[in-house]
Amino acid sequence: MQGNSIHGLIRRTLIYKFQNDILEDNVYSIQNFSVVSNGGSYRTTQHAYKINFQFGTKVIAVDSKLVPTRSLH
């Protein structure tokens, strides 16, 4: 199975809202966010786009064994 990674951006002013809800290697359903071009000199993934979290973004943990926790590359 092959997957893709996409960068998620949480602005400094919103970190307080999400810092206890998002952990590495977990799977989440994310709603109400924007998608923008992933340009610039600092790119954490090769994906063409990144997601921007907003004040109204909702993050819900999902128990899924279908999504691998680590890339096989």
Protein backbone atom coordinates (compact mmCIF):
# COMPACT_ATOMS: atom_id res chain seq x y z
CA MET A 1 0.00 0.00 0.00
CA GLN A 2 1.32 3.45 -0.89
CA GLY A 3 0.17 6.69 0.67
CA ASN A 4 0.73 10.40 0.38
CA SER A 5 1.64 13.04 2.93
CA ILE A 6 0.29 16.56 2.98
CA HIS A 7 1.50 19.44 5.12
CA GLY A 8 -0.94 20.93 7.62
CA LEU A 9 -0.41 24.51 8.81
CA ILE A 10 -1.71 25.79 12.15
CA ARG A 11 -1.03 29.48 12.69
CA ARG A 12 0.60 30.44 15.97
CA THR A 13 -2.57 32.16 17.17
CA LEU A 14 -4.51 28.87 16.85
CA ILE A 15 -2.02 26.42 18.35
CA TYR A 16 -3.81 26.55 21.71
CA LYS A 17 -6.98 25.23 20.03
CA PHE A 18 -5.38 22.09 18.53
CA GLN A 19 -2.25 21.28 20.57
CA ASN A 20 -3.92 18.63 22.74
CA ASP A 21 -6.01 17.12 19.95
CA ILE A 22 -3.41 16.13 17.34
CA LEU A 23 -0.71 13.51 17.91
CA GLU A 24 1.80 12.03 15.49
CA ASP A 25 1.00 8.60 13.99
CA ASN A 26 -2.75 8.92 14.56
CA VAL A 27 -5.55 9.15 12.00
CA TYR A 28 -7.98 12.09 12.01
CA SER A 29 -11.04 13.34 10.23
CA ILE A 30 -10.51 17.06 9.59
CA GLN A 31 -13.35 19.38 8.56
CA ASN A 32 -13.62 23.08 7.69
CA PHE A 33 -10.11 23.93 6.49
CA SER A 34 -8.65 25.64 3.43
CA VAL A 35 -6.37 24.17 0.77
CA VAL A 36 -3.58 26.32 -0.66
CA SER A 37 -0.57 25.88 -2.91
CA ASN A 38 2.47 24.41 -1.16
CA GLY A 39 5.10 26.87 -2.38
CA GLY A 40 8.03 28.65 -0.84
CA SER A 41 11.44 27.51 0.31
CA TYR A 42 10.26 25.54 3.38
CA ARG A 43 8.34 22.48 2.26
CA THR A 44 7.81 19.51 4.57
CA THR A 45 6.27 17.37 1.81
CA GLN A 46 6.44 17.19 -1.97
CA HIS A 47 2.65 17.45 -2.20
CA ALA A 48 1.49 20.32 -4.43
CA TYR A 49 -0.94 21.59 -1.77
CA LYS A 50 -1.16 22.07 1.99
CA ILE A 51 -4.07 22.42 4.36
CA ASN A 52 -4.56 25.47 6.57
CA PHE A 53 -6.36 25.02 9.85
CA GLN A 54 -8.83 27.77 10.73
CA PHE A 55 -10.70 28.71 13.89
CA GLY A 56 -13.70 26.67 12.73
CA THR A 57 -11.65 23.58 11.82
CA LYS A 58 -12.84 20.41 13.56
CA VAL A 59 -10.46 17.52 14.31
CA ILE A 60 -11.85 14.11 15.25
CA ALA A 61 -9.68 11.06 16.01
CA VAL A 62 -10.53 8.02 13.88
CA ASP A 63 -9.65 4.43 14.77
CA SER A 64 -8.43 3.10 11.43
CA LYS A 65 -6.06 0.26 10.66
CA LEU A 66 -6.32 1.01 6.94
CA VAL A 67 -3.90 3.95 7.10
CA PRO A 68 -0.25 2.99 7.69
CA THR A 69 1.53 4.97 10.44
CA ARG A 70 4.86 5.17 8.60
CA SER A 71 5.74 5.55 4.95
CA LEU A 72 7.29 2.51 3.32
CA HIS A 73 9.65 4.62 1.16
